[in-house]
Amino acid sequence: MRSDRRTGRQRNKAKGESAAAGKAGRGAWRLHMPAGSGRKEMDIQEYIVFCMELVGTIAFAASGAMVGIDRRMDVFGVCVLGVVTSVGGGMVRDVILGNIPGALVRPVYVAVAVAAALLVFLVLYFKKGLLQGKTGLLYDRVMLVMDSVGLGIFTAMGVMTGIRNGYLDNTFLLVFVGTLTGVGGGLLRDMMAGVPPYIFVKHIYACASVVGALGCVWSYRSFGQIPAVVLSSALVIAIRFLAAYYHWNLPHMKQDVSL
């Protein structure tokens, strides 16, 4: 009996040590978040995705601010366009999926968008010459870079949101919400600014998002989350840069054609 009891205690002890070792191993792959963040720890994948979301937010906020400045808006209007460009597509996506918009649950994205838009406004307010003369090309180049980076990242984030909501097997829905997340904010920005939507007139835009969303779905099913986000974002950015460099555009009606 004593031998059996000892054997049982040894087994329980071994199980406890094994469980502790497992927890320690998993803990080694987690990052502790600052107090008040709502969660005390975040794993590496979530941290990488969060950082990419912040990069996309800053990129889209900068492009929104550039449009607002070009339309001679005041600082409030510039910040509003920056926020709408950054979180507008994601908010529409969340409503379609039946969720509370993430920008309202985690206002850090709105705060970052406001800060980025305000920074762009202040820089160009004190350096007005950057948008005049030969340096006026800066506007188009900044818009290209910021819109391309934001489009790539948010297209991937939209697909990931669809997957987290349980639609991994629905390719059409994933591509739809990915494209909506990527182009929705820019579409709202241009409508509010009273300019022709960028996605309908400038190079290859929405089509790049569709291709990136398809690539994200395929990459996720084959390699997992982080490779899918990185590869699809890079694919969208590459298509946008190539389209701008080689002047790729979809067919459109000539100006001399009237109905």
Protein backbone atom coordinates (compact mmCIF):
# COMPACT_ATOMS: atom_id res chain seq x y z
CA MET A 1 0.00 0.00 0.00
CA ARG A 2 2.75 2.43 0.93
CA SER A 3 4.52 1.62 -2.32
CA ASP A 4 1.32 2.31 -4.30
CA ARG A 5 0.78 5.61 -2.46
CA ARG A 6 4.34 6.70 -3.15
CA THR A 7 3.97 5.75 -6.80
CA GLY A 8 0.73 7.78 -7.04
CA ARG A 9 2.34 10.81 -5.37
CA GLN A 10 5.33 10.57 -7.69
CA ARG A 11 3.07 10.44 -10.71
CA ASN A 12 1.09 13.47 -9.54
CA LYS A 13 4.31 15.32 -8.85
CA ALA A 14 5.62 14.47 -12.31
CA LYS A 15 2.38 15.65 -13.91
CA GLY A 16 2.55 18.92 -11.98
CA GLU A 17 6.14 19.51 -13.02
CA SER A 18 5.27 18.73 -16.63
CA ALA A 19 2.35 21.17 -16.58
CA ALA A 20 4.50 23.86 -14.99
CA ALA A 21 7.18 23.32 -17.61
CA GLY A 22 4.55 23.60 -20.34
CA LYS A 23 3.25 26.87 -18.91
CA ALA A 24 6.78 28.20 -18.60
CA GLY A 25 7.50 27.27 -22.20
CA ARG A 26 4.38 28.99 -23.44
CA GLY A 27 5.13 32.00 -21.30
CA ALA A 28 8.50 32.37 -22.96
CA TRP A 29 6.67 33.14 -26.20
CA ARG A 30 4.53 35.88 -24.69
CA LEU A 31 5.11 39.59 -24.22
CA HIS A 32 3.81 41.40 -21.14
CA MET A 33 1.66 44.41 -21.94
CA PRO A 34 1.66 47.65 -19.94
CA ALA A 35 -0.84 48.09 -17.12
CA GLY A 36 -4.24 49.34 -18.22
CA SER A 37 -3.96 47.81 -21.68
CA GLY A 38 -6.85 45.42 -21.00
CA ARG A 39 -4.65 42.33 -21.38
CA LYS A 40 -1.56 41.45 -19.40
CA GLU A 41 0.14 39.42 -22.05
CA MET A 42 0.17 39.15 -25.81
CA ASP A 43 1.76 36.37 -27.81
CA ILE A 44 4.33 37.06 -30.49
CA GLN A 45 1.93 36.62 -33.42
CA GLU A 46 -0.61 39.01 -31.95
CA TYR A 47 2.14 41.53 -31.23
CA ILE A 48 3.40 41.42 -34.83
CA VAL A 49 -0.15 41.80 -36.17
CA PHE A 50 -0.78 44.70 -33.78
CA CYS A 51 2.38 46.48 -34.95
CA MET A 52 1.39 46.01 -38.59
CA GLU A 53 -2.06 47.42 -37.83
CA LEU A 54 -0.43 50.50 -36.32
CA VAL A 55 1.78 50.92 -39.40
CA GLY A 56 -1.27 50.67 -41.65
CA THR A 57 -3.17 53.12 -39.45
CA ILE A 58 -0.37 55.68 -39.67
CA ALA A 59 -0.04 55.20 -43.43
CA PHE A 60 -3.75 55.67 -44.12
CA ALA A 61 -4.01 58.58 -41.67
CA ALA A 62 -1.17 60.34 -43.50
CA SER A 63 -2.88 59.84 -46.86
CA GLY A 64 -6.16 61.16 -45.46
CA ALA A 65 -4.38 64.19 -44.03
CA MET A 66 -2.73 64.86 -47.39
CA VAL A 67 -6.11 64.91 -49.12
CA GLY A 68 -7.52 67.24 -46.47
CA ILE A 69 -4.59 69.62 -46.83
CA ASP A 70 -4.88 69.57 -50.62
CA ARG A 71 -8.57 70.50 -50.25
CA ARG A 72 -7.65 73.42 -47.97
CA MET A 73 -9.37 71.98 -44.89
CA ASP A 74 -8.64 73.23 -41.38
CA VAL A 75 -6.82 71.11 -38.82
CA PHE A 76 -10.04 69.51 -37.58
CA GLY A 77 -11.07 68.46 -41.07
CA VAL A 78 -7.60 67.07 -41.72
CA CYS A 79 -7.74 64.96 -38.56
CA VAL A 80 -11.25 63.73 -39.38
CA LEU A 81 -10.16 62.60 -42.84
CA GLY A 82 -7.14 60.89 -41.31
CA VAL A 83 -9.32 58.95 -38.86
CA VAL A 84 -11.95 58.05 -41.47
CA THR A 85 -9.30 56.78 -43.87
CA SER A 86 -7.67 54.67 -41.17
CA VAL A 87 -10.66 53.05 -39.47
CA GLY A 88 -13.59 53.64 -41.84
CA GLY A 89 -13.20 50.44 -43.85
CA GLY A 90 -12.69 48.33 -40.73
CA MET A 91 -15.77 49.79 -39.05
CA VAL A 92 -17.97 49.00 -42.06
CA ARG A 93 -16.50 45.48 -42.12
CA ASP A 94 -17.23 44.90 -38.45
CA VAL A 95 -20.83 46.05 -38.84
CA ILE A 96 -21.32 43.62 -41.75
CA LEU A 97 -19.89 40.79 -39.64
CA GLY A 98 -22.21 41.70 -36.76
CA ASN A 99 -19.51 42.98 -34.39
CA ILE A 100 -18.93 46.21 -32.49
CA PRO A 101 -16.37 48.18 -34.56
CA GLY A 102 -12.88 47.47 -33.27
CA ALA A 103 -11.94 51.17 -33.41
CA LEU A 104 -14.57 51.84 -30.71
CA VAL A 105 -13.46 48.94 -28.52
CA ARG A 106 -9.75 49.76 -28.85
CA PRO A 107 -9.52 53.56 -29.36
CA VAL A 108 -5.74 53.33 -29.67
CA TYR A 109 -6.19 53.20 -33.46
CA VAL A 110 -8.18 56.44 -33.47
CA ALA A 111 -5.60 58.11 -31.22
CA VAL A 112 -2.74 57.03 -33.48
CA ALA A 113 -4.62 58.22 -36.57
CA VAL A 114 -5.26 61.63 -35.03
CA ALA A 115 -1.61 61.97 -33.99
CA ALA A 116 -0.35 60.99 -37.46
CA ALA A 117 -2.75 63.34 -39.27
CA LEU A 118 -1.91 66.19 -36.90
CA LEU A 119 1.82 65.63 -37.43
CA VAL A 120 1.41 65.76 -41.22
CA PHE A 121 -0.64 68.95 -40.91
CA LEU A 122 1.95 70.66 -38.69
CA VAL A 123 4.86 69.68 -40.94
CA LEU A 124 3.17 71.02 -44.08
CA TYR A 125 1.78 74.06 -42.24
CA PHE A 126 5.27 75.24 -41.39
CA LYS A 127 6.80 73.94 -44.64
CA LYS A 128 4.28 75.13 -47.20
CA GLY A 129 6.83 74.95 -50.02
CA LEU A 130 6.77 71.15 -49.92
CA LEU A 131 3.53 71.13 -51.93
CA GLN A 132 4.51 73.84 -54.40
CA GLY A 133 6.69 74.01 -57.49
CA LYS A 134 8.84 71.03 -58.37
CA THR A 135 8.49 69.61 -54.89
CA GLY A 136 4.76 69.35 -55.53
CA LEU A 137 5.55 65.85 -56.78
CA LEU A 138 5.92 64.98 -53.11
CA TYR A 139 2.13 64.87 -52.78
CA ASP A 140 1.69 62.16 -55.41
CA ARG A 141 4.64 60.15 -54.13
CA VAL A 142 3.57 60.29 -50.49
CA MET A 143 0.02 59.39 -51.47
CA LEU A 144 1.29 56.42 -53.48
CA VAL A 145 3.49 55.08 -50.68
CA MET A 146 1.04 55.68 -47.83
CA ASP A 147 -1.99 54.37 -49.71
CA SER A 148 -0.10 51.31 -50.93
CA VAL A 149 1.21 50.38 -47.48
CA GLY A 150 -2.16 50.97 -45.84
CA LEU A 151 -3.99 49.09 -48.58
CA GLY A 152 -1.74 46.04 -48.29
CA ILE A 153 -1.84 45.80 -44.51
CA PHE A 154 -5.55 46.45 -44.08
CA THR A 155 -6.51 44.05 -46.85
CA ALA A 156 -4.69 41.32 -44.92
CA MET A 157 -6.20 42.47 -41.61
CA GLY A 158 -9.67 42.29 -43.12
CA VAL A 159 -9.12 38.70 -44.22
CA MET A 160 -7.79 37.79 -40.76
CA THR A 161 -10.86 39.30 -39.12
CA GLY A 162 -13.11 37.17 -41.32
CA ILE A 163 -11.12 34.08 -40.40
CA ARG A 164 -11.34 34.88 -36.67
CA ASN A 165 -15.11 35.12 -37.05
CA GLY A 166 -15.24 31.54 -38.32
CA TYR A 167 -15.41 31.99 -42.10
CA LEU A 168 -12.20 30.22 -43.09
CA ASP A 169 -13.99 28.04 -45.66
CA ASN A 170 -15.87 30.94 -47.27
CA THR A 171 -13.33 32.33 -49.74
CA PHE A 172 -15.74 34.83 -51.30
CA LEU A 173 -16.63 36.40 -47.95
CA LEU A 174 -12.98 36.59 -46.89
CA VAL A 175 -11.97 38.31 -50.13
CA PHE A 176 -14.95 40.67 -49.85
CA VAL A 177 -14.23 41.78 -46.27
CA GLY A 178 -10.50 42.01 -47.02
CA THR A 179 -11.07 44.26 -50.02
CA LEU A 180 -13.67 46.31 -48.14
CA THR A 181 -11.26 46.86 -45.25
CA GLY A 182 -8.54 47.91 -47.67
CA VAL A 183 -10.46 50.32 -49.91
CA GLY A 184 -13.39 51.37 -47.70
CA GLY A 185 -11.57 54.06 -45.74
CA GLY A 186 -10.11 55.67 -48.84
CA LEU A 187 -13.49 55.65 -50.54
CA LEU A 188 -15.12 57.40 -47.58
CA ARG A 189 -12.24 59.89 -47.46
CA ASP A 190 -12.63 60.90 -51.09
CA MET A 191 -16.41 61.16 -50.83
CA MET A 192 -16.10 63.46 -47.80
CA ALA A 193 -13.43 65.53 -49.55
CA GLY A 194 -15.52 65.87 -52.70
CA VAL A 195 -12.97 64.37 -55.08
CA PRO A 196 -13.27 61.45 -57.51
CA PRO A 197 -12.63 58.27 -55.48
CA TYR A 198 -8.97 57.32 -55.75
CA ILE A 199 -9.85 53.65 -56.21
CA PHE A 200 -11.70 54.38 -59.48
CA VAL A 201 -9.22 56.66 -61.24
CA LYS A 202 -5.66 55.95 -60.07
CA HIS A 203 -3.70 53.02 -61.47
CA ILE A 204 -4.57 49.55 -60.19
CA TYR A 205 -6.07 49.93 -56.71
CA ALA A 206 -9.09 47.83 -55.81
CA CYS A 207 -7.88 45.05 -58.11
CA ALA A 208 -4.60 44.94 -56.19
CA SER A 209 -6.59 44.55 -52.99
CA VAL A 210 -8.62 41.68 -54.45
CA VAL A 211 -5.46 39.88 -55.56
CA GLY A 212 -3.88 40.46 -52.15
CA ALA A 213 -6.96 39.12 -50.35
CA LEU A 214 -6.94 35.97 -52.47
CA GLY A 215 -3.23 35.54 -51.76
CA CYS A 216 -3.85 36.04 -48.04
CA VAL A 217 -6.52 33.33 -47.95
CA TRP A 218 -4.31 30.86 -49.80
CA SER A 219 -1.23 31.70 -47.70
CA TYR A 220 -3.13 31.33 -44.44
CA ARG A 221 -4.40 27.89 -45.37
CA SER A 222 -0.90 26.83 -46.42
CA PHE A 223 1.49 28.58 -44.02
CA GLY A 224 -0.42 30.26 -41.18
CA GLN A 225 -1.19 33.78 -40.02
CA ILE A 226 2.06 35.74 -40.02
CA PRO A 227 3.34 34.49 -43.43
CA ALA A 228 -0.11 35.19 -44.88
CA VAL A 229 -0.20 38.76 -43.57
CA VAL A 230 3.35 39.56 -44.69
CA LEU A 231 3.14 37.93 -48.11
CA SER A 232 -0.26 39.38 -49.02
CA SER A 233 0.70 42.88 -47.85
CA ALA A 234 3.91 42.73 -49.89
CA LEU A 235 1.96 41.49 -52.91
CA VAL A 236 -0.48 44.41 -52.79
CA ILE A 237 2.31 46.97 -52.33
CA ALA A 238 4.31 45.47 -55.20
CA ILE A 239 1.31 45.58 -57.55
CA ARG A 240 0.61 49.21 -56.64
CA PHE A 241 4.22 50.28 -57.17
CA LEU A 242 4.49 48.43 -60.46
CA ALA A 243 1.21 49.91 -61.65
CA ALA A 244 2.43 53.42 -60.83
CA TYR A 245 5.84 52.88 -62.43
CA TYR A 246 4.55 51.32 -65.64
CA HIS A 247 1.35 53.39 -65.71
CA TRP A 248 -0.96 50.40 -65.61
CA ASN A 249 -4.61 51.39 -65.70
CA LEU A 250 -7.87 49.63 -66.38
CA PRO A 251 -9.61 50.58 -69.66
CA HIS A 252 -11.75 53.72 -69.45
CA MET A 253 -13.68 55.98 -71.79
CA LYS A 254 -11.82 58.74 -73.62
CA GLN A 255 -12.62 62.35 -72.77
CA ASP A 256 -13.88 63.12 -76.28
CA VAL A 257 -16.63 60.47 -76.01
CA SER A 258 -19.98 61.94 -74.96
CA LEU A 259 -23.37 60.32 -74.49
